[in-house]
Amino acid sequence: MEKISYEFAAGEPATARALTGVVGSGDLEVLIEPQHASHRTGITTIQVNTSVDGMRNVWQALLQRIFTAAVLPAMRIEINDFGATPGVVRLRIEQAFEELRQA
């Protein structure tokens, strides 16, 4: 099991929470919360807990592509992965963003 942390520049704080996916074989869950007020503003923090060791570069490339393509709300994200492919990771993150927009 590997734990990886990332930070990306962000905009205004998120105002809602979101949960997508499940921790199961080939899948993952994405939990989004507004960034805590005591934390630096304008930053999104991501904690990845993955059952697959040695994939740090793949996570870095995928998350960098998502979080630098547009200015997203500042939020705290926890990803609990159980061997999801990059396509499934992106799908779950985008589902979580959609839930935020509808909240």
Protein backbone atom coordinates (compact mmCIF):
# COMPACT_ATOMS: atom_id res chain seq x y z
CA MET A 1 0.00 0.00 0.00
CA GLU A 2 1.34 3.41 -0.94
CA LYS A 3 0.27 6.87 0.21
CA ILE A 4 0.99 9.81 -2.10
CA SER A 5 0.22 13.51 -1.52
CA TYR A 6 -0.14 16.31 -4.05
CA GLU A 7 -0.98 20.01 -4.03
CA PHE A 8 -2.25 22.10 -6.92
CA ALA A 9 -3.17 25.77 -7.26
CA ALA A 10 -6.91 26.38 -7.09
CA GLY A 11 -9.53 29.09 -7.06
CA GLU A 12 -12.22 29.89 -4.51
CA PRO A 13 -13.02 27.21 -1.91
CA ALA A 14 -15.50 24.50 -2.82
CA THR A 15 -18.84 24.85 -1.03
CA ALA A 16 -20.05 21.26 -0.97
CA ARG A 17 -18.93 17.67 -0.52
CA ALA A 18 -18.98 14.81 -3.01
CA LEU A 19 -18.42 11.07 -2.96
CA THR A 20 -18.17 8.84 -6.01
CA GLY A 21 -17.15 5.25 -6.62
CA VAL A 22 -16.44 2.37 -4.26
CA VAL A 23 -13.27 0.73 -3.03
CA GLY A 24 -13.36 -2.53 -4.93
CA SER A 25 -11.24 -4.47 -7.39
CA GLY A 26 -10.41 -2.24 -10.36
CA ASP A 27 -12.27 0.72 -8.88
CA LEU A 28 -11.74 3.54 -6.39
CA GLU A 29 -13.62 6.11 -4.35
CA VAL A 30 -13.13 9.86 -4.54
CA LEU A 31 -14.09 11.97 -1.51
CA ILE A 32 -14.14 15.76 -1.91
CA GLU A 33 -14.53 18.28 0.90
CA PRO A 34 -14.13 22.05 0.98
CA GLN A 35 -10.64 23.06 1.99
CA HIS A 36 -10.49 23.67 5.75
CA ALA A 37 -10.42 27.39 6.63
CA SER A 38 -7.16 27.06 8.55
CA HIS A 39 -5.43 25.63 5.47
CA ARG A 40 -3.84 27.85 2.88
CA THR A 41 -6.42 29.27 0.51
CA GLY A 42 -6.18 28.69 -3.20
CA ILE A 43 -4.75 25.20 -2.82
CA THR A 44 -6.22 21.79 -3.55
CA THR A 45 -4.66 18.96 -1.56
CA ILE A 46 -4.94 15.37 -2.73
CA GLN A 47 -4.17 12.27 -0.69
CA VAL A 48 -3.97 9.06 -2.75
CA ASN A 49 -4.12 5.76 -0.88
CA THR A 50 -3.45 3.02 -3.40
CA SER A 51 -3.08 -0.74 -3.18
CA VAL A 52 -0.69 -0.66 -6.14
CA ASP A 53 2.89 0.34 -5.32
CA GLY A 54 5.25 2.00 -7.80
CA MET A 55 2.69 4.03 -9.77
CA ARG A 56 3.64 7.47 -8.41
CA ASN A 57 4.62 8.81 -11.87
CA VAL A 58 1.32 7.69 -13.41
CA TRP A 59 -0.68 9.38 -10.62
CA GLN A 60 1.41 12.54 -10.96
CA ALA A 61 0.85 12.76 -14.73
CA LEU A 62 -2.88 12.06 -14.51
CA LEU A 63 -3.61 14.46 -11.64
CA GLN A 64 -1.42 17.18 -13.12
CA ARG A 65 -3.34 16.95 -16.39
CA ILE A 66 -6.70 17.28 -14.60
CA PHE A 67 -5.80 19.97 -12.07
CA THR A 68 -3.76 22.25 -14.34
CA ALA A 69 -6.17 22.27 -17.29
CA ALA A 70 -8.58 24.68 -15.58
CA VAL A 71 -8.90 26.65 -12.35
CA LEU A 72 -10.89 24.39 -10.04
CA PRO A 73 -12.25 25.17 -6.57
CA ALA A 74 -9.93 24.74 -3.61
CA MET A 75 -10.74 21.42 -2.00
CA ARG A 76 -9.40 18.50 -0.04
CA ILE A 77 -9.55 15.23 -1.97
CA GLU A 78 -8.99 11.72 -0.70
CA ILE A 79 -8.69 8.94 -3.25
CA ASN A 80 -8.86 5.34 -2.05
CA ASP A 81 -7.71 3.17 -4.95
CA PHE A 82 -7.92 -0.56 -5.40
CA GLY A 83 -6.16 -0.96 -8.75
CA ALA A 84 -8.22 1.34 -10.96
CA THR A 85 -6.93 2.17 -14.42
CA PRO A 86 -6.17 5.84 -15.27
CA GLY A 87 -9.41 6.00 -17.29
CA VAL A 88 -11.48 4.92 -14.30
CA VAL A 89 -9.63 7.40 -12.05
CA ARG A 90 -10.44 10.27 -14.39
CA LEU A 91 -14.07 9.15 -14.70
CA ARG A 92 -14.56 9.05 -10.91
CA ILE A 93 -12.91 12.46 -10.42
CA GLU A 94 -15.09 14.00 -13.12
CA GLN A 95 -18.19 12.39 -11.56
CA ALA A 96 -17.23 14.01 -8.23
CA PHE A 97 -16.83 17.41 -9.94
CA GLU A 98 -20.28 17.00 -11.49
CA GLU A 99 -21.76 16.27 -8.05
CA LEU A 100 -20.13 19.46 -6.75
CA ARG A 101 -21.67 21.50 -9.56
CA GLN A 102 -25.14 20.10 -8.81
CA ALA A 103 -24.91 20.58 -5.01
